[in-house]
PDB file of all heavy atoms in Angstrom:
ATOM      1  N   ARG A   1      20.973 -94.962 -27.800  1.00  0.00           N
ATOM      2  CA  ARG A   1      22.426 -94.921 -27.753  1.00  0.00           C
ATOM      3  C   ARG A   1      22.890 -94.070 -26.589  1.00  0.00           C
ATOM      4  O   ARG A   1      22.211 -93.123 -26.184  1.00  0.00           O
ATOM      5  CB  ARG A   1      22.998 -94.409 -29.075  1.00  0.00           C
ATOM      6  CG  ARG A   1      22.709 -92.989 -29.433  1.00  0.00           C
ATOM      7  CD  ARG A   1      23.100 -92.697 -30.900  1.00  0.00           C
ATOM      8  NE  ARG A   1      24.517 -92.973 -31.116  1.00  0.00           N
ATOM      9  CZ  ARG A   1      25.035 -93.219 -32.337  1.00  0.00           C
ATOM     10  NH1 ARG A   1      24.254 -93.222 -33.401  1.00  0.00           N
ATOM     11  NH2 ARG A   1      26.320 -93.452 -32.471  1.00  0.00           N
ATOM     12  N   ASP A   2      24.047 -94.411 -26.071  1.00  0.00           N
ATOM     13  CA  ASP A   2      24.715 -93.648 -25.027  1.00  0.00           C
ATOM     14  C   ASP A   2      26.094 -93.333 -25.565  1.00  0.00           C
ATOM     15  O   ASP A   2      27.010 -94.162 -25.487  1.00  0.00           O
ATOM     16  CB  ASP A   2      24.782 -94.471 -23.734  1.00  0.00           C
ATOM     17  CG  ASP A   2      25.357 -93.684 -22.579  1.00  0.00           C
ATOM     18  OD1 ASP A   2      26.017 -92.648 -22.828  1.00  0.00           O
ATOM     19  OD2 ASP A   2      25.177 -94.110 -21.430  1.00  0.00           O
ATOM     20  N   ASN A   3      26.244 -92.165 -26.132  1.00  0.00           N
ATOM     21  CA  ASN A   3      27.514 -91.817 -26.769  1.00  0.00           C
ATOM     22  C   ASN A   3      28.641 -91.695 -25.749  1.00  0.00           C
ATOM     23  O   ASN A   3      29.809 -91.881 -26.095  1.00  0.00           O
ATOM     24  CB  ASN A   3      27.366 -90.541 -27.593  1.00  0.00           C
ATOM     25  CG  ASN A   3      26.633 -90.791 -28.902  1.00  0.00           C
ATOM     26  OD1 ASN A   3      26.512 -91.931 -29.371  1.00  0.00           O
ATOM     27  ND2 ASN A   3      26.129 -89.730 -29.520  1.00  0.00           N
ATOM     28  N   ALA A   4      28.313 -91.402 -24.524  1.00  0.00           N
ATOM     29  CA  ALA A   4      29.354 -91.330 -23.492  1.00  0.00           C
ATOM     30  C   ALA A   4      29.971 -92.710 -23.250  1.00  0.00           C
ATOM     31  O   ALA A   4      31.134 -92.819 -22.849  1.00  0.00           O
ATOM     32  CB  ALA A   4      28.762 -90.790 -22.200  1.00  0.00           C
ATOM     33  N   LYS A   5      29.171 -93.752 -23.510  1.00  0.00           N
ATOM     34  CA  LYS A   5      29.653 -95.119 -23.336  1.00  0.00           C
ATOM     35  C   LYS A   5      30.001 -95.775 -24.667  1.00  0.00           C
ATOM     36  O   LYS A   5      30.334 -96.969 -24.693  1.00  0.00           O
ATOM     37  CB  LYS A   5      28.601 -95.954 -22.604  1.00  0.00           C
ATOM     38  CG  LYS A   5      28.332 -95.501 -21.180  1.00  0.00           C
ATOM     39  CD  LYS A   5      27.333 -96.417 -20.485  1.00  0.00           C
ATOM     40  CE  LYS A   5      27.113 -95.988 -19.046  1.00  0.00           C
ATOM     41  NZ  LYS A   5      26.140 -96.866 -18.331  1.00  0.00           N
ATOM     42  N   ASN A   6      29.855 -94.996 -25.754  1.00  0.00           N
ATOM     43  CA  ASN A   6      30.200 -95.553 -27.072  1.00  0.00           C
ATOM     44  C   ASN A   6      29.392 -96.815 -27.378  1.00  0.00           C
ATOM     45  O   ASN A   6      29.926 -97.768 -27.973  1.00  0.00           O
ATOM     46  CB  ASN A   6      31.690 -95.883 -27.120  1.00  0.00           C
ATOM     47  CG  ASN A   6      32.398 -95.238 -28.288  1.00  0.00           C
ATOM     48  OD1 ASN A   6      31.873 -94.335 -28.932  1.00  0.00           O
ATOM     49  ND2 ASN A   6      33.597 -95.702 -28.562  1.00  0.00           N
ATOM     50  N   THR A   7      28.125 -96.797 -26.999  1.00  0.00           N
ATOM     51  CA  THR A   7      27.312 -98.007 -27.089  1.00  0.00           C
ATOM     52  C   THR A   7      25.922 -97.687 -27.624  1.00  0.00           C
ATOM     53  O   THR A   7      25.341 -96.644 -27.293  1.00  0.00           O
ATOM     54  CB  THR A   7      27.184 -98.678 -25.703  1.00  0.00           C
ATOM     55  OG1 THR A   7      28.492 -98.970 -25.204  1.00  0.00           O
ATOM     56  CG2 THR A   7      26.395 -99.978 -25.793  1.00  0.00           C
ATOM     57  N   VAL A   8      25.416 -98.590 -28.445  1.00  0.00           N
ATOM     58  CA  VAL A   8      24.054 -98.524 -28.950  1.00  0.00           C
ATOM     59  C   VAL A   8      23.310 -99.755 -28.439  1.00  0.00           C
ATOM     60  O   VAL A   8      23.880-100.845 -28.390  1.00  0.00           O
ATOM     61  CB  VAL A   8      24.036 -98.474 -30.485  1.00  0.00           C
ATOM     62  CG1 VAL A   8      22.615 -98.595 -31.032  1.00  0.00           C
ATOM     63  CG2 VAL A   8      24.693 -97.190 -30.971  1.00  0.00           C
ATOM     64  N   TYR A   9      22.055 -99.563 -28.079  1.00  0.00           N
ATOM     65  CA  TYR A   9      21.261-100.635 -27.493  1.00  0.00           C
ATOM     66  C   TYR A   9      20.049-100.955 -28.369  1.00  0.00           C
ATOM     67  O   TYR A   9      19.543-100.101 -29.096  1.00  0.00           O
ATOM     68  CB  TYR A   9      20.761-100.234 -26.108  1.00  0.00           C
ATOM     69  CG  TYR A   9      21.852 -99.826 -25.159  1.00  0.00           C
ATOM     70  CD1 TYR A   9      22.168 -98.493 -24.955  1.00  0.00           C
ATOM     71  CD2 TYR A   9      22.584-100.791 -24.462  1.00  0.00           C
ATOM     72  CE1 TYR A   9      23.166 -98.112 -24.088  1.00  0.00           C
ATOM     73  CE2 TYR A   9      23.589-100.421 -23.591  1.00  0.00           C
ATOM     74  CZ  TYR A   9      23.881 -99.084 -23.406  1.00  0.00           C
ATOM     75  OH  TYR A   9      24.886 -98.718 -22.541  1.00  0.00           O
ATOM     76  N   LEU A  10      19.595-102.173 -28.233  1.00  0.00           N
ATOM     77  CA  LEU A  10      18.321-102.569 -28.837  1.00  0.00           C
ATOM     78  C   LEU A  10      17.532-103.314 -27.764  1.00  0.00           C
ATOM     79  O   LEU A  10      17.875-104.447 -27.418  1.00  0.00           O
ATOM     80  CB  LEU A  10      18.520-103.451 -30.060  1.00  0.00           C
ATOM     81  CG  LEU A  10      17.229-103.790 -30.814  1.00  0.00           C
ATOM     82  CD1 LEU A  10      16.645-102.534 -31.480  1.00  0.00           C
ATOM     83  CD2 LEU A  10      17.473-104.872 -31.877  1.00  0.00           C
ATOM     84  N   GLN A  11      16.539-102.629 -27.217  1.00  0.00           N
ATOM     85  CA  GLN A  11      15.656-103.243 -26.227  1.00  0.00           C
ATOM     86  C   GLN A  11      14.550-103.978 -26.974  1.00  0.00           C
ATOM     87  O   GLN A  11      13.822-103.371 -27.764  1.00  0.00           O
ATOM     88  CB  GLN A  11      15.059-102.182 -25.312  1.00  0.00           C
ATOM     89  CG  GLN A  11      14.069-102.729 -24.299  1.00  0.00           C
ATOM     90  CD  GLN A  11      14.720-103.613 -23.249  1.00  0.00           C
ATOM     91  OE1 GLN A  11      15.794-103.279 -22.743  1.00  0.00           O
ATOM     92  NE2 GLN A  11      14.080-104.734 -22.922  1.00  0.00           N
ATOM     93  N   MET A  12      14.434-105.262 -26.714  1.00  0.00           N
ATOM     94  CA  MET A  12      13.465-106.102 -27.424  1.00  0.00           C
ATOM     95  C   MET A  12      12.467-106.664 -26.419  1.00  0.00           C
ATOM     96  O   MET A  12      12.856-107.425 -25.526  1.00  0.00           O
ATOM     97  CB  MET A  12      14.186-107.230 -28.163  1.00  0.00           C
ATOM     98  CG  MET A  12      15.288-106.742 -29.094  1.00  0.00           C
ATOM     99  SD  MET A  12      16.014-108.060 -30.085  1.00  0.00           S
ATOM    100  CE  MET A  12      16.750-109.073 -28.805  1.00  0.00           C
ATOM    101  N   ASN A  13      11.225-106.267 -26.558  1.00  0.00           N
ATOM    102  CA  ASN A  13      10.163-106.721 -25.664  1.00  0.00           C
ATOM    103  C   ASN A  13       9.151-107.558 -26.431  1.00  0.00           C
ATOM    104  O   ASN A  13       9.074-107.487 -27.665  1.00  0.00           O
ATOM    105  CB  ASN A  13       9.463-105.523 -25.022  1.00  0.00           C
ATOM    106  CG  ASN A  13      10.380-104.698 -24.155  1.00  0.00           C
ATOM    107  OD1 ASN A  13      11.319-105.220 -23.550  1.00  0.00           O
ATOM    108  ND2 ASN A  13      10.101-103.403 -24.075  1.00  0.00           N
ATOM    109  N   ASN A  14       8.359-108.315 -25.697  1.00  0.00           N
ATOM    110  CA  ASN A  14       7.320-109.149 -26.297  1.00  0.00           C
ATOM    111  C   ASN A  14       7.878-109.955 -27.473  1.00  0.00           C
ATOM    112  O   ASN A  14       7.306-109.958 -28.570  1.00  0.00           O
ATOM    113  CB  ASN A  14       6.148-108.284 -26.755  1.00  0.00           C
ATOM    114  CG  ASN A  14       4.935-109.097 -27.152  1.00  0.00           C
ATOM    115  OD1 ASN A  14       4.785-110.254 -26.751  1.00  0.00           O
ATOM    116  ND2 ASN A  14       4.058-108.498 -27.951  1.00  0.00           N
ATOM    117  N   LEU A  15       8.962-110.635 -27.220  1.00  0.00           N
ATOM    118  CA  LEU A  15       9.632-111.375 -28.285  1.00  0.00           C
ATOM    119  C   LEU A  15       8.777-112.528 -28.783  1.00  0.00           C
ATOM    120  O   LEU A  15       8.039-113.167 -28.017  1.00  0.00           O
ATOM    121  CB  LEU A  15      10.991-111.879 -27.804  1.00  0.00           C
ATOM    122  CG  LEU A  15      12.075-110.796 -27.758  1.00  0.00           C
ATOM    123  CD1 LEU A  15      13.217-111.189 -26.855  1.00  0.00           C
ATOM    124  CD2 LEU A  15      12.584-110.513 -29.163  1.00  0.00           C
ATOM    125  N   LYS A  16       8.896-112.784 -30.074  1.00  0.00           N
ATOM    126  CA  LYS A  16       8.136-113.834 -30.737  1.00  0.00           C
ATOM    127  C   LYS A  16       9.093-114.848 -31.357  1.00  0.00           C
ATOM    128  O   LYS A  16      10.238-114.496 -31.660  1.00  0.00           O
ATOM    129  CB  LYS A  16       7.261-113.222 -31.825  1.00  0.00           C
ATOM    130  CG  LYS A  16       6.320-112.135 -31.346  1.00  0.00           C
ATOM    131  CD  LYS A  16       5.569-111.511 -32.502  1.00  0.00           C
ATOM    132  CE  LYS A  16       4.631-110.409 -32.014  1.00  0.00           C
ATOM    133  NZ  LYS A  16       3.864-109.797 -33.136  1.00  0.00           N
ATOM    134  N   PRO A  17       8.659-116.063 -31.579  1.00  0.00           N
ATOM    135  CA  PRO A  17       9.540-117.061 -32.208  1.00  0.00           C
ATOM    136  C   PRO A  17      10.124-116.574 -33.538  1.00  0.00           C
ATOM    137  O   PRO A  17      11.271-116.911 -33.865  1.00  0.00           O
ATOM    138  CB  PRO A  17       8.618-118.256 -32.410  1.00  0.00           C
ATOM    139  CG  PRO A  17       7.625-118.147 -31.299  1.00  0.00           C
ATOM    140  CD  PRO A  17       7.389-116.658 -31.152  1.00  0.00           C
ATOM    141  N   GLU A  18       9.373-115.764 -34.277  1.00  0.00           N
ATOM    142  CA  GLU A  18       9.870-115.272 -35.557  1.00  0.00           C
ATOM    143  C   GLU A  18      10.964-114.221 -35.414  1.00  0.00           C
ATOM    144  O   GLU A  18      11.550-113.778 -36.409  1.00  0.00           O
ATOM    145  CB  GLU A  18       8.725-114.711 -36.414  1.00  0.00           C
ATOM    146  CG  GLU A  18       7.832-113.726 -35.710  1.00  0.00           C
ATOM    147  CD  GLU A  18       6.580-114.365 -35.131  1.00  0.00           C
ATOM    148  OE1 GLU A  18       6.670-115.476 -34.557  1.00  0.00           O
ATOM    149  OE2 GLU A  18       5.503-113.726 -35.253  1.00  0.00           O
ATOM    150  N   ASP A  19      11.254-113.796 -34.180  1.00  0.00           N
ATOM    151  CA  ASP A  19      12.378-112.897 -33.947  1.00  0.00           C
ATOM    152  C   ASP A  19      13.701-113.661 -33.833  1.00  0.00           C
ATOM    153  O   ASP A  19      14.771-113.051 -33.740  1.00  0.00           O
ATOM    154  CB  ASP A  19      12.162-112.083 -32.667  1.00  0.00           C
ATOM    155  CG  ASP A  19      10.990-111.133 -32.767  1.00  0.00           C
ATOM    156  OD1 ASP A  19      10.840-110.480 -33.817  1.00  0.00           O
ATOM    157  OD2 ASP A  19      10.225-111.039 -31.782  1.00  0.00           O
ATOM    158  N   THR A  20      13.628-114.982 -33.817  1.00  0.00           N
ATOM    159  CA  THR A  20      14.832-115.796 -33.718  1.00  0.00           C
ATOM    160  C   THR A  20      15.744-115.544 -34.914  1.00  0.00           C
ATOM    161  O   THR A  20      15.328-115.656 -36.068  1.00  0.00           O
ATOM    162  CB  THR A  20      14.463-117.288 -33.666  1.00  0.00           C
ATOM    163  OG1 THR A  20      13.739-117.540 -32.458  1.00  0.00           O
ATOM    164  CG2 THR A  20      15.706-118.159 -33.690  1.00  0.00           C
ATOM    165  N   ALA A  21      16.996-115.174 -34.628  1.00  0.00           N
ATOM    166  CA  ALA A  21      17.948-114.831 -35.679  1.00  0.00           C
ATOM    167  C   ALA A  21      19.288-114.484 -35.036  1.00  0.00           C
ATOM    168  O   ALA A  21      19.382-114.330 -33.818  1.00  0.00           O
ATOM    169  CB  ALA A  21      17.447-113.639 -36.497  1.00  0.00           C
ATOM    170  N   VAL A  22      20.286-114.338 -35.878  1.00  0.00           N
ATOM    171  CA  VAL A  22      21.537-113.722 -35.446  1.00  0.00           C
ATOM    172  C   VAL A  22      21.383-112.221 -35.680  1.00  0.00           C
ATOM    173  O   VAL A  22      21.021-111.796 -36.787  1.00  0.00           O
ATOM    174  CB  VAL A  22      22.744-114.273 -36.221  1.00  0.00           C
ATOM    175  CG1 VAL A  22      24.019-113.560 -35.780  1.00  0.00           C
ATOM    176  CG2 VAL A  22      22.865-115.785 -36.001  1.00  0.00           C
ATOM    177  N   TYR A  23      21.657-111.455 -34.655  1.00  0.00           N
ATOM    178  CA  TYR A  23      21.509-110.005 -34.722  1.00  0.00           C
ATOM    179  C   TYR A  23      22.889-109.358 -34.847  1.00  0.00           C
ATOM    180  O   TYR A  23      23.821-109.689 -34.096  1.00  0.00           O
ATOM    181  CB  TYR A  23      20.796-109.480 -33.480  1.00  0.00           C
ATOM    182  CG  TYR A  23      19.305-109.729 -33.514  1.00  0.00           C
ATOM    183  CD1 TYR A  23      18.803-111.013 -33.358  1.00  0.00           C
ATOM    184  CD2 TYR A  23      18.407-108.685 -33.721  1.00  0.00           C
ATOM    185  CE1 TYR A  23      17.440-111.263 -33.412  1.00  0.00           C
ATOM    186  CE2 TYR A  23      17.039-108.918 -33.772  1.00  0.00           C
ATOM    187  CZ  TYR A  23      16.566-110.207 -33.622  1.00  0.00           C
ATOM    188  OH  TYR A  23      15.206-110.442 -33.678  1.00  0.00           O
ATOM    189  N   TYR A  24      22.993-108.446 -35.788  1.00  0.00           N
ATOM    190  CA  TYR A  24      24.235-107.741 -36.065  1.00  0.00           C
ATOM    191  C   TYR A  24      24.022-106.239 -35.901  1.00  0.00           C
ATOM    192  O   TYR A  24      22.983-105.716 -36.272  1.00  0.00           O
ATOM    193  CB  TYR A  24      24.692-107.983 -37.500  1.00  0.00           C
ATOM    194  CG  TYR A  24      24.928-109.421 -37.863  1.00  0.00           C
ATOM    195  CD1 TYR A  24      23.897-110.202 -38.378  1.00  0.00           C
ATOM    196  CD2 TYR A  24      26.188-109.993 -37.731  1.00  0.00           C
ATOM    197  CE1 TYR A  24      24.104-111.525 -38.726  1.00  0.00           C
ATOM    198  CE2 TYR A  24      26.411-111.315 -38.081  1.00  0.00           C
ATOM    199  CZ  TYR A  24      25.367-112.075 -38.576  1.00  0.00           C
ATOM    200  OH  TYR A  24      25.589-113.385 -38.930  1.00  0.00           O
ATOM    201  N   CYS A  25      25.031-105.554 -35.384  1.00  0.00           N
ATOM    202  CA  CYS A  25      25.018-104.102 -35.465  1.00  0.00           C
ATOM    203  C   CYS A  25      26.067-103.676 -36.480  1.00  0.00           C
ATOM    204  O   CYS A  25      27.034-104.408 -36.746  1.00  0.00           O
ATOM    205  CB  CYS A  25      25.276-103.455 -34.110  1.00  0.00           C
ATOM    206  SG  CYS A  25      26.922-103.693 -33.420  1.00  0.00           S
ATOM    207  N   ALA A  26      25.848-102.519 -37.064  1.00  0.00           N
ATOM    208  CA  ALA A  26      26.749-102.011 -38.084  1.00  0.00           C
ATOM    209  C   ALA A  26      26.736-100.489 -38.040  1.00  0.00           C
ATOM    210  O   ALA A  26      25.737 -99.880 -37.650  1.00  0.00           O
ATOM    211  CB  ALA A  26      26.327-102.508 -39.460  1.00  0.00           C
ATOM    212  N   SER A  27      27.832 -99.892 -38.438  1.00  0.00           N
ATOM    213  CA  SER A  27      27.945 -98.434 -38.421  1.00  0.00           C
ATOM    214  C   SER A  27      28.134 -97.896 -39.831  1.00  0.00           C
ATOM    215  O   SER A  27      28.761 -98.550 -40.681  1.00  0.00           O
ATOM    216  CB  SER A  27      29.115 -97.997 -37.537  1.00  0.00           C
ATOM    217  OG  SER A  27      30.344 -98.460 -38.064  1.00  0.00           O
ATOM    218  N   SER A  28      27.581 -96.722 -40.057  1.00  0.00           N
ATOM    219  CA  SER A  28      27.676 -96.070 -41.356  1.00  0.00           C
ATOM    220  C   SER A  28      28.103 -94.626 -41.167  1.00  0.00           C
ATOM    221  O   SER A  28      27.617 -93.945 -40.267  1.00  0.00           O
ATOM    222  CB  SER A  28      26.324 -96.122 -42.064  1.00  0.00           C
ATOM    223  OG  SER A  28      26.348 -95.363 -43.246  1.00  0.00           O
ATOM    224  N   ALA A  29      28.975 -94.168 -42.059  1.00  0.00           N
ATOM    225  CA  ALA A  29      29.400 -92.769 -42.044  1.00  0.00           C
ATOM    226  C   ALA A  29      28.375 -91.872 -42.740  1.00  0.00           C
ATOM    227  O   ALA A  29      28.502 -90.647 -42.700  1.00  0.00           O
ATOM    228  CB  ALA A  29      30.760 -92.627 -42.708  1.00  0.00           C
ATOM    229  N   VAL A  30      27.373 -92.479 -43.364  1.00  0.00           N
ATOM    230  CA  VAL A  30      26.321 -91.707 -44.019  1.00  0.00           C
ATOM    231  C   VAL A  30      25.354 -91.215 -42.949  1.00  0.00           C
ATOM    232  O   VAL A  30      24.861 -91.986 -42.131  1.00  0.00           O
ATOM    233  CB  VAL A  30      25.585 -92.574 -45.057  1.00  0.00           C
ATOM    234  CG1 VAL A  30      24.424 -91.792 -45.670  1.00  0.00           C
ATOM    235  CG2 VAL A  30      26.554 -93.061 -46.121  1.00  0.00           C
ATOM    236  N   ALA A  31      25.088 -89.927 -42.980  1.00  0.00           N
ATOM    237  CA  ALA A  31      24.194 -89.343 -41.980  1.00  0.00           C
ATOM    238  C   ALA A  31      22.759 -89.809 -42.182  1.00  0.00           C
ATOM    239  O   ALA A  31      22.322 -90.089 -43.305  1.00  0.00           O
ATOM    240  CB  ALA A  31      24.263 -87.828 -42.043  1.00  0.00           C
ATOM    241  N   TYR A  32      22.044 -89.899 -41.074  1.00  0.00           N
ATOM    242  CA  TYR A  32      20.623 -90.241 -41.108  1.00  0.00           C
ATOM    243  C   TYR A  32      19.874 -89.045 -40.546  1.00  0.00           C
ATOM    244  O   TYR A  32      19.973 -88.742 -39.357  1.00  0.00           O
ATOM    245  CB  TYR A  32      20.384 -91.500 -40.271  1.00  0.00           C
ATOM    246  CG  TYR A  32      18.931 -91.847 -40.032  1.00  0.00           C
ATOM    247  CD1 TYR A  32      17.933 -91.511 -40.937  1.00  0.00           C
ATOM    248  CD2 TYR A  32      18.557 -92.545 -38.886  1.00  0.00           C
ATOM    249  CE1 TYR A  32      16.609 -91.842 -40.703  1.00  0.00           C
ATOM    250  CE2 TYR A  32      17.245 -92.882 -38.651  1.00  0.00           C
ATOM    251  CZ  TYR A  32      16.270 -92.532 -39.553  1.00  0.00           C
ATOM    252  OH  TYR A  32      14.965 -92.870 -39.325  1.00  0.00           O
ATOM    253  N   VAL A  33      19.167 -88.358 -41.448  1.00  0.00           N
ATOM    254  CA  VAL A  33      18.436 -87.164 -41.061  1.00  0.00           C
ATOM    255  C   VAL A  33      17.030 -87.279 -41.604  1.00  0.00           C
ATOM    256  O   VAL A  33      16.824 -87.309 -42.816  1.00  0.00           O
ATOM    257  CB  VAL A  33      19.125 -85.887 -41.593  1.00  0.00           C
ATOM    258  CG1 VAL A  33      18.348 -84.661 -41.142  1.00  0.00           C
ATOM    259  CG2 VAL A  33      20.574 -85.818 -41.133  1.00  0.00           C
ATOM    260  N   GLU A  34      16.073 -87.353 -40.732  1.00  0.00           N
ATOM    261  CA  GLU A  34      14.682 -87.427 -41.176  1.00  0.00           C
ATOM    262  C   GLU A  34      14.308 -86.105 -41.864  1.00  0.00           C
ATOM    263  O   GLU A  34      14.836 -85.049 -41.517  1.00  0.00           O
ATOM    264  CB  GLU A  34      13.762 -87.685 -39.986  1.00  0.00           C
ATOM    265  CG  GLU A  34      13.947 -89.080 -39.389  1.00  0.00           C
ATOM    266  CD  GLU A  34      13.014 -89.342 -38.237  1.00  0.00           C
ATOM    267  OE1 GLU A  34      13.040 -88.576 -37.268  1.00  0.00           O
ATOM    268  OE2 GLU A  34      12.250 -90.326 -38.329  1.00  0.00           O
ATOM    269  N   PRO A  35      13.478 -86.149 -42.868  1.00  0.00           N
ATOM    270  CA  PRO A  35      12.620 -87.243 -43.288  1.00  0.00           C
ATOM    271  C   PRO A  35      13.251 -88.232 -44.266  1.00  0.00           C
ATOM    272  O   PRO A  35      12.582 -89.142 -44.739  1.00  0.00           O
ATOM    273  CB  PRO A  35      11.446 -86.525 -43.954  1.00  0.00           C
ATOM    274  CG  PRO A  35      12.088 -85.334 -44.585  1.00  0.00           C
ATOM    275  CD  PRO A  35      13.149 -84.914 -43.616  1.00  0.00           C
ATOM    276  N   LEU A  36      14.556 -88.050 -44.552  1.00  0.00           N
ATOM    277  CA  LEU A  36      15.195 -88.998 -45.458  1.00  0.00           C
ATOM    278  C   LEU A  36      15.316 -90.354 -44.766  1.00  0.00           C
ATOM    279  O   LEU A  36      15.433 -90.435 -43.540  1.00  0.00           O
ATOM    280  CB  LEU A  36      16.567 -88.483 -45.856  1.00  0.00           C
ATOM    281  CG  LEU A  36      16.578 -87.169 -46.651  1.00  0.00           C
ATOM    282  CD1 LEU A  36      18.002 -86.712 -46.903  1.00  0.00           C
ATOM    283  CD2 LEU A  36      15.811 -87.317 -47.949  1.00  0.00           C
ATOM    284  N   PRO A  37      15.354 -91.438 -45.541  1.00  0.00           N
ATOM    285  CA  PRO A  37      15.474 -92.773 -44.938  1.00  0.00           C
ATOM    286  C   PRO A  37      16.880 -92.999 -44.405  1.00  0.00           C
ATOM    287  O   PRO A  37      17.818 -92.290 -44.786  1.00  0.00           O
ATOM    288  CB  PRO A  37      15.162 -93.717 -46.102  1.00  0.00           C
ATOM    289  CG  PRO A  37      15.544 -92.944 -47.317  1.00  0.00           C
ATOM    290  CD  PRO A  37      15.211 -91.511 -47.000  1.00  0.00           C
ATOM    291  N   PRO A  38      17.069 -93.976 -43.539  1.00  0.00           N
ATOM    292  CA  PRO A  38      18.408 -94.297 -43.038  1.00  0.00           C
ATOM    293  C   PRO A  38      19.272 -94.863 -44.166  1.00  0.00           C
ATOM    294  O   PRO A  38      18.755 -95.225 -45.223  1.00  0.00           O
ATOM    295  CB  PRO A  38      18.151 -95.339 -41.953  1.00  0.00           C
ATOM    296  CG  PRO A  38      16.842 -95.940 -42.316  1.00  0.00           C
ATOM    297  CD  PRO A  38      16.046 -94.834 -42.937  1.00  0.00           C
ATOM    298  N   PRO A  39      20.580 -94.933 -43.958  1.00  0.00           N
ATOM    299  CA  PRO A  39      21.470 -95.486 -44.989  1.00  0.00           C
ATOM    300  C   PRO A  39      21.058 -96.904 -45.387  1.00  0.00           C
ATOM    301  O   PRO A  39      20.531 -97.670 -44.584  1.00  0.00           O
ATOM    302  CB  PRO A  39      22.839 -95.491 -44.313  1.00  0.00           C
ATOM    303  CG  PRO A  39      22.734 -94.449 -43.256  1.00  0.00           C
ATOM    304  CD  PRO A  39      21.325 -94.486 -42.776  1.00  0.00           C
TER     305      PRO A  39
END
């Protein structure tokens, strides 16, 4: 993520046919702090 640009990225390499899908981003107000799992 680049918070200065208000943008989150997903770099996808070595793509496979099974990666074919509609990709969505979503935001949560719940904090994500390891070792706890993400929201």
